[in-house]
């Protein structure tokens, strides 16, 4: 019996909409999780994030264990109290950042040993330590197993090695996590772009038994088409009655295509990273607010949006702020982008519930410029 009930209320083809029920609140799916890497969604207050309609945030084990340290967060009341967010939090295991950010990392059967990107100090992360940090010290609601994310492109032998290690680490993560009433543990499917490896990974994860299942090892350089080819089969390999989470994805078109293939949850730094660099995501695609064509454009980014950043400021003003390198420009565009991603998932939930998802998908792609 899974810790958090997952009620799927409607399906349309492979697309699903439902609710993952947690003690800190319901998570409506499809769901987009804004990324609060170091205990903050960059440039935004938690109140602003909540106003966009976000049901859950993502925090990062690697960054928080290095600064301010998971033990300090625990002493200060846990991550929810520390950052003043009372809704659910999912923490990733830290494995991806160890591989991508650490100048020196060594993976063995027992653990990954790495040097901090901040000061070069040495650290050891085992599946058991990752569970302790996420569940006991940070106090996250959804905990991710420790896995090894293999960079793309990968030879099948290397992809298999990472998949098998991730499966063994998944079993160790589950044993260390134990049985908890108010926290859930998700396993992570690996296997790069190899269907046979994804299938074996899914079988091993299902045998171990998790509260939800993530699809890892994508959005690592393989491109949209190759990602979609994997998603043609990968989600359906995972238990249909549990949430399916595509890690680190992505652009709006990625979300739409993944939902069409049965994915329920997403996270990505894209909305706030784009906002800090002057890019606004809209129903017609991304806009570069540095562009001179917006200098005297008195229209808002989205006059129908309930988000003040989307409907309350002109493109001309946003253009001025970004060109002037004013912090407010980064704040407003980040806020707008998070609101847009939440509006996109809300629109997909409604389309699935009303049995018109394919029409929504077609119209969305047709509207992109």
Protein backbone atom coordinates (compact mmCIF):
# COMPACT_ATOMS: atom_id res chain seq x y z
CA UNK A 1 0.00 0.00 0.00
CA UNK A 2 1.53 3.30 -1.10
CA UNK A 3 1.94 6.07 1.44
CA UNK A 4 0.16 8.81 -0.54
CA UNK A 5 -3.11 7.95 -2.32
CA UNK A 6 -3.03 8.75 -6.04
CA UNK A 7 -6.49 9.18 -7.51
CA UNK A 8 -6.60 9.30 -11.31
CA UNK A 9 -9.85 11.09 -12.15
CA UNK A 10 -9.70 11.02 -15.95
CA UNK A 11 -7.65 9.71 -18.85
CA UNK A 12 -7.55 10.74 -22.50
CA UNK A 13 -5.41 8.38 -24.51
CA UNK A 14 -2.27 7.90 -22.43
CA UNK A 15 -2.70 11.32 -20.77
CA UNK A 16 -3.94 11.26 -17.15
CA UNK A 17 -5.14 13.80 -14.64
CA UNK A 18 -5.56 13.19 -10.94
CA UNK A 19 -4.53 14.12 -7.42
CA UNK A 20 -1.63 12.88 -5.29
CA UNK A 21 -2.81 13.35 -1.71
CA UNK A 22 -0.22 14.28 0.93
CA UNK A 23 -0.53 15.44 4.54
CA UNK A 24 0.67 18.90 3.48
CA UNK A 25 -1.82 19.25 0.65
CA UNK A 26 -3.02 17.82 -2.64
CA UNK A 27 -0.80 17.79 -5.72
CA UNK A 28 -2.89 18.14 -8.88
CA UNK A 29 -1.47 16.28 -11.86
CA UNK A 30 -0.10 16.90 -14.39
CA UNK A 31 2.03 18.99 -12.03
CA UNK A 32 4.97 21.29 -12.62
CA UNK A 33 7.31 21.71 -9.65
CA UNK A 34 9.24 24.99 -9.51
CA UNK A 35 12.85 24.31 -8.55
CA UNK A 36 14.02 25.77 -5.24
CA UNK A 37 17.58 24.46 -5.51
CA UNK A 38 19.05 26.05 -2.40
CA UNK A 39 15.85 26.63 -0.43
CA UNK A 40 14.55 29.36 -2.73
CA UNK A 41 12.88 29.57 -6.12
CA UNK A 42 15.34 32.10 -7.49
CA UNK A 43 14.17 35.74 -7.37
CA UNK A 44 10.74 34.90 -5.90
CA UNK A 45 9.13 34.78 -2.47
CA UNK A 46 7.21 31.65 -1.54
CA UNK A 47 4.04 33.77 -1.55
CA UNK A 48 4.63 34.71 -5.17
CA UNK A 49 5.25 31.06 -6.05
CA UNK A 50 2.07 29.99 -4.26
CA UNK A 51 0.06 32.64 -6.11
CA UNK A 52 1.00 31.02 -9.43
CA UNK A 53 -0.86 27.86 -8.39
CA UNK A 54 2.14 25.66 -7.58
CA UNK A 55 1.19 22.75 -5.31
CA UNK A 56 4.75 21.52 -4.64
CA UNK A 57 8.36 22.72 -4.82
CA UNK A 58 11.61 20.86 -5.45
CA UNK A 59 14.66 21.21 -3.21
CA UNK A 60 18.15 19.92 -3.87
CA UNK A 61 20.00 17.59 -1.52
CA UNK A 62 23.47 18.26 -2.96
CA UNK A 63 23.29 22.05 -2.61
CA UNK A 64 21.59 22.05 0.81
CA UNK A 65 23.95 19.46 2.30
CA UNK A 66 26.90 21.67 1.34
CA UNK A 67 25.32 25.01 2.30
CA UNK A 68 23.98 25.70 4.88
CA UNK A 69 24.20 21.90 5.67
CA UNK A 70 21.31 19.54 6.22
CA UNK A 71 22.08 19.40 9.93
CA UNK A 72 21.68 23.18 10.23
CA UNK A 73 18.37 23.09 8.35
CA UNK A 74 17.22 20.39 10.80
CA UNK A 75 18.21 22.50 13.80
CA UNK A 76 16.23 25.40 12.34
CA UNK A 77 13.06 23.35 12.06
CA UNK A 78 13.37 21.56 8.72
CA UNK A 79 13.22 22.82 5.16
CA UNK A 80 9.53 23.80 5.19
CA UNK A 81 9.95 26.11 8.17
CA UNK A 82 13.38 27.31 7.02
CA UNK A 83 12.05 28.59 3.69
CA UNK A 84 8.49 29.32 4.92
CA UNK A 85 6.73 26.97 2.50
CA UNK A 86 3.94 24.89 4.07
CA UNK A 87 2.98 22.85 1.00
CA UNK A 88 4.73 19.64 -0.14
CA UNK A 89 8.42 19.55 -1.03
CA UNK A 90 10.17 16.94 -3.17
CA UNK A 91 13.92 16.65 -2.79
CA UNK A 92 16.13 15.07 -5.42
CA UNK A 93 18.85 12.75 -4.18
CA UNK A 94 21.89 14.81 -5.15
CA UNK A 95 23.24 12.20 -7.54
CA UNK A 96 22.81 14.26 -10.70
CA UNK A 97 24.60 17.30 -9.26
CA UNK A 98 27.44 15.14 -8.01
CA UNK A 99 28.00 13.94 -11.57
CA UNK A 100 27.51 17.30 -13.27
CA UNK A 101 28.96 19.88 -10.85
CA UNK A 102 31.68 18.13 -8.96
CA UNK A 103 35.14 18.53 -10.43
CA UNK A 104 36.13 15.25 -8.86
CA UNK A 105 33.74 12.38 -8.18
CA UNK A 106 34.30 8.67 -7.76
CA UNK A 107 31.50 6.11 -7.91
CA UNK A 108 31.84 2.75 -6.18
CA UNK A 109 29.31 0.12 -5.17
CA UNK A 110 29.16 1.63 -1.71
CA UNK A 111 28.92 5.35 -2.43
CA UNK A 112 29.83 8.34 -4.52
CA UNK A 113 32.73 10.38 -3.17
CA UNK A 114 33.04 13.92 -4.44
CA UNK A 115 34.64 17.29 -3.96
CA UNK A 116 32.40 20.25 -3.21
CA UNK A 117 32.15 22.76 -6.06
CA UNK A 118 32.17 25.48 -3.36
CA UNK A 119 35.41 24.84 -1.50
CA UNK A 120 36.79 21.50 -2.67
CA UNK A 121 35.96 19.73 0.60
CA UNK A 122 35.48 15.97 0.34
CA UNK A 123 32.08 14.34 0.90
CA UNK A 124 30.66 10.83 0.73
CA UNK A 125 27.06 10.19 -0.33
CA UNK A 126 25.61 6.72 0.13
CA UNK A 127 21.99 5.72 -0.49
CA UNK A 128 21.56 5.56 3.28
CA UNK A 129 23.03 9.04 3.83
CA UNK A 130 20.83 10.47 1.07
CA UNK A 131 17.75 9.06 2.83
CA UNK A 132 18.91 10.53 6.16
CA UNK A 133 19.47 13.97 4.63
CA UNK A 134 16.21 14.09 2.70
CA UNK A 135 13.79 12.42 5.10
CA UNK A 136 15.20 13.08 8.56
CA UNK A 137 17.16 16.34 8.27
CA UNK A 138 15.44 18.32 5.51
CA UNK A 139 12.06 16.71 6.22
CA UNK A 140 10.92 16.50 2.60
CA UNK A 141 7.55 14.98 1.73
CA UNK A 142 8.72 13.09 -1.37
CA UNK A 143 12.19 11.57 -1.19
CA UNK A 144 14.12 10.35 -4.25
CA UNK A 145 16.35 7.28 -4.22
CA UNK A 146 20.05 7.83 -4.86
CA UNK A 147 20.84 6.90 -8.46
CA UNK A 148 23.63 7.22 -10.99
CA UNK A 149 22.69 9.38 -13.95
CA UNK A 150 24.79 8.37 -16.98
CA UNK A 151 25.64 11.17 -19.39
CA UNK A 152 24.38 11.04 -22.98
CA UNK A 153 25.46 9.67 -25.37
CA UNK A 154 26.31 6.40 -23.67
CA UNK A 155 27.32 2.98 -24.93
CA UNK A 156 24.87 0.27 -23.92
CA UNK A 157 27.40 -1.38 -21.61
CA UNK A 158 27.91 1.90 -19.71
CA UNK A 159 24.17 2.57 -19.60
CA UNK A 160 23.62 -0.91 -18.20
CA UNK A 161 26.25 -0.40 -15.54
CA UNK A 162 24.53 2.79 -14.36
CA UNK A 163 21.06 1.23 -14.52
CA UNK A 164 22.10 -1.81 -12.48
CA UNK A 165 23.89 0.28 -9.87
CA UNK A 166 20.82 2.55 -9.63
CA UNK A 167 18.61 -0.52 -9.11
CA UNK A 168 20.83 -1.78 -6.29
CA UNK A 169 21.00 1.68 -4.76
CA UNK A 170 17.21 1.86 -5.05
CA UNK A 171 16.86 -1.27 -2.95
CA UNK A 172 19.29 0.14 -0.38
CA UNK A 173 17.43 3.44 -0.37
CA UNK A 174 14.14 1.63 0.27
CA UNK A 175 15.65 -0.40 3.13
CA UNK A 176 17.08 2.74 4.76
CA UNK A 177 13.87 4.73 4.24
CA UNK A 178 11.73 2.05 5.85
CA UNK A 179 7.99 2.50 6.29
CA UNK A 180 6.78 6.05 6.89
CA UNK A 181 3.25 7.41 7.15
CA UNK A 182 3.89 11.02 6.19
CA UNK A 183 6.71 10.72 3.64
CA UNK A 184 6.94 8.92 0.30
CA UNK A 185 9.88 7.42 -1.59
CA UNK A 186 10.18 7.42 -5.39
CA UNK A 187 12.40 5.09 -7.41
CA UNK A 188 14.18 6.21 -10.60
CA UNK A 189 14.12 4.37 -13.91
CA UNK A 190 17.41 4.53 -15.80
CA UNK A 191 18.71 3.00 -19.03
CA UNK A 192 19.57 5.94 -21.30
CA UNK A 193 17.95 5.50 -24.73
CA UNK A 194 17.91 1.68 -24.62
CA UNK A 195 14.42 0.19 -24.40
CA UNK A 196 15.59 -3.16 -23.04
CA UNK A 197 17.47 -1.44 -20.21
CA UNK A 198 14.49 0.78 -19.36
CA UNK A 199 12.29 -2.33 -19.18
CA UNK A 200 14.70 -4.18 -16.91
CA UNK A 201 15.08 -1.11 -14.72
CA UNK A 202 11.29 -0.82 -14.39
CA UNK A 203 10.96 -4.49 -13.45
CA UNK A 204 13.61 -4.21 -10.75
CA UNK A 205 12.13 -1.00 -9.34
CA UNK A 206 8.64 -2.48 -9.26
CA UNK A 207 9.98 -5.56 -7.46
CA UNK A 208 11.53 -3.30 -4.81
CA UNK A 209 8.30 -1.31 -4.56
CA UNK A 210 8.10 2.49 -4.38
CA UNK A 211 5.41 5.11 -3.75
CA UNK A 212 6.06 6.67 -7.15
CA UNK A 213 8.40 6.27 -10.09
CA UNK A 214 10.63 8.74 -11.90
CA UNK A 215 12.06 8.61 -15.39
CA UNK A 216 15.69 9.68 -15.08
CA UNK A 217 18.53 10.08 -17.53
CA UNK A 218 16.67 12.29 -20.02
CA UNK A 219 17.03 16.00 -20.82
CA UNK A 220 20.79 15.43 -20.67
CA UNK A 221 21.55 16.42 -24.25
CA UNK A 222 19.68 13.85 -26.33
CA UNK A 223 17.25 16.40 -27.78
CA UNK A 224 13.45 16.61 -27.97
CA UNK A 225 12.89 13.93 -30.61
CA UNK A 226 15.10 11.33 -28.96
CA UNK A 227 13.48 12.09 -25.59
CA UNK A 228 10.03 11.56 -27.10
CA UNK A 229 11.15 8.26 -28.60
CA UNK A 230 12.09 7.03 -25.12
CA UNK A 231 8.84 8.38 -23.69
CA UNK A 232 6.92 6.39 -26.31
CA UNK A 233 7.61 3.33 -24.16
CA UNK A 234 9.23 4.30 -20.82
CA UNK A 235 6.19 5.63 -18.85
CA UNK A 236 4.01 2.64 -19.74
CA UNK A 237 6.63 0.32 -18.25
CA UNK A 238 5.98 1.82 -14.81
CA UNK A 239 3.03 0.95 -12.54
CA UNK A 240 -0.11 2.65 -13.86
CA UNK A 241 -1.54 3.32 -10.40
CA UNK A 242 1.40 5.40 -9.16
CA UNK A 243 2.69 8.87 -10.17
CA UNK A 244 5.22 9.04 -13.00
CA UNK A 245 7.73 11.86 -12.73
CA UNK A 246 9.95 12.99 -15.63
CA UNK A 247 13.00 14.55 -13.99
CA UNK A 248 14.51 17.83 -15.17
CA UNK A 249 12.04 18.53 -18.00
CA UNK A 250 11.62 20.98 -19.55
CA UNK A 251 10.33 23.30 -22.24
CA UNK A 252 6.55 23.72 -22.61
CA UNK A 253 6.46 21.51 -25.71
CA UNK A 254 8.33 18.83 -23.75
CA UNK A 255 5.66 18.90 -21.04
CA UNK A 256 2.81 18.62 -23.52
CA UNK A 257 4.39 15.72 -25.40
CA UNK A 258 5.32 13.91 -22.17
CA UNK A 259 1.79 14.26 -20.76
CA UNK A 260 0.49 12.78 -24.03
CA UNK A 261 2.66 9.75 -23.24
CA UNK A 262 1.48 9.26 -19.64
CA UNK A 263 3.77 11.44 -17.47
CA UNK A 264 2.27 13.12 -14.37
CA UNK A 265 4.99 15.29 -12.78
CA UNK A 266 7.80 17.58 -13.94
CA UNK A 267 10.49 19.92 -12.63
CA UNK A 268 12.89 22.25 -14.38
CA UNK A 269 14.99 25.34 -13.67
CA UNK A 270 14.03 26.73 -17.09
CA UNK A 271 11.31 29.23 -16.03
CA UNK A 272 13.47 31.14 -13.57
CA UNK A 273 16.73 30.72 -15.48
CA UNK A 274 15.04 32.08 -18.61
CA UNK A 275 13.55 34.94 -16.61
CA UNK A 276 16.93 35.99 -15.29
CA UNK A 277 18.20 36.17 -18.87
CA UNK A 278 15.32 38.23 -20.24
CA UNK A 279 13.21 35.47 -21.77
CA UNK A 280 9.45 35.22 -21.30
CA UNK A 281 7.55 32.00 -22.11
CA UNK A 282 4.13 32.52 -23.72
CA UNK A 283 1.44 30.55 -25.54
CA UNK A 284 3.10 31.54 -28.82
CA UNK A 285 6.59 30.55 -27.68
CA UNK A 286 9.50 32.33 -25.95
CA UNK A 287 10.00 36.09 -26.25
CA UNK A 288 13.39 37.79 -25.88
CA UNK A 289 12.50 40.93 -23.93
CA UNK A 290 15.85 42.50 -24.83
CA UNK A 291 14.61 42.80 -28.40
CA UNK A 292 14.11 46.37 -29.61
CA UNK A 293 10.67 45.53 -31.03
CA UNK A 294 9.28 45.62 -27.48
CA UNK A 295 10.63 49.10 -26.67
CA UNK A 296 7.26 50.79 -27.24
CA UNK A 297 4.93 47.78 -26.90
CA UNK A 298 2.35 48.82 -24.33
CA UNK A 299 0.66 45.39 -24.12
CA UNK A 300 1.23 42.94 -21.25
CA UNK A 301 2.68 39.47 -21.66
CA UNK A 302 -0.73 37.88 -20.97
CA UNK A 303 -3.70 40.11 -20.22
CA UNK A 304 -5.82 37.08 -19.25
CA UNK A 305 -3.42 35.89 -16.53
CA UNK A 306 -4.13 36.31 -12.83
CA UNK A 307 -0.39 36.79 -12.25
CA UNK A 308 0.44 40.50 -11.75
CA UNK A 309 3.76 40.08 -13.56
CA UNK A 310 1.97 38.67 -16.61
CA UNK A 311 -0.95 41.08 -16.86
CA UNK A 312 0.08 44.20 -14.93
CA UNK A 313 3.23 45.39 -16.71
CA UNK A 314 3.81 46.35 -20.33
CA UNK A 315 6.35 44.64 -22.54
CA UNK A 316 7.92 48.07 -22.98
CA UNK A 317 8.50 48.37 -19.24
CA UNK A 318 9.86 44.82 -19.01
CA UNK A 319 12.14 45.56 -21.98
CA UNK A 320 13.39 48.68 -20.19
CA UNK A 321 14.07 46.79 -16.94
CA UNK A 322 15.97 43.99 -18.67
CA UNK A 323 18.02 46.35 -20.84
CA UNK A 324 18.80 48.44 -17.75
CA UNK A 325 19.79 45.29 -15.83
CA UNK A 326 17.34 46.14 -13.08
CA UNK A 327 16.69 43.29 -10.63
CA UNK A 328 12.94 43.87 -10.87
CA UNK A 329 13.00 42.76 -14.51
CA UNK A 330 14.44 39.38 -13.52
CA UNK A 331 11.88 39.06 -10.72
CA UNK A 332 8.89 39.88 -12.93
CA UNK A 333 9.95 37.59 -15.79
CA UNK A 334 10.70 34.72 -13.40
CA UNK A 335 7.31 35.21 -11.76
CA UNK A 336 5.55 35.34 -15.12
CA UNK A 337 7.33 32.22 -16.37
CA UNK A 338 6.42 30.17 -13.28
CA UNK A 339 2.83 31.37 -13.68
CA UNK A 340 2.83 30.38 -17.35
CA UNK A 341 4.08 26.86 -16.59
CA UNK A 342 1.35 26.51 -13.94
CA UNK A 343 -1.25 27.80 -16.41
CA UNK A 344 -0.03 25.25 -18.96
CA UNK A 345 -0.41 22.31 -16.58
CA UNK A 346 -3.82 23.61 -15.45
CA UNK A 347 -4.93 23.79 -19.09
CA UNK A 348 -3.74 20.23 -19.67
CA UNK A 349 -5.60 19.01 -16.58
CA UNK A 350 -8.81 20.62 -17.85
CA UNK A 351 -8.33 19.27 -21.38
CA UNK A 352 -7.82 15.71 -20.14
CA UNK A 353 -10.82 15.93 -17.79
CA UNK A 354 -12.98 17.14 -20.67
CA UNK A 355 -11.74 14.55 -23.16
CA UNK A 356 -10.16 17.05 -25.55
CA UNK A 357 -6.46 16.64 -24.87
CA UNK A 358 -5.52 15.75 -28.44
CA UNK A 359 -7.21 18.94 -29.68
CA UNK A 360 -5.38 20.94 -27.02
CA UNK A 361 -2.08 19.33 -27.99
CA UNK A 362 -2.67 20.09 -31.69
CA UNK A 363 -3.72 23.70 -31.03
CA UNK A 364 -0.78 24.28 -28.68
CA UNK A 365 1.75 23.16 -31.27
CA UNK A 366 -0.01 25.15 -34.00
CA UNK A 367 0.17 28.31 -31.90
CA UNK A 368 3.94 28.20 -31.46
CA UNK A 369 5.78 30.73 -33.61
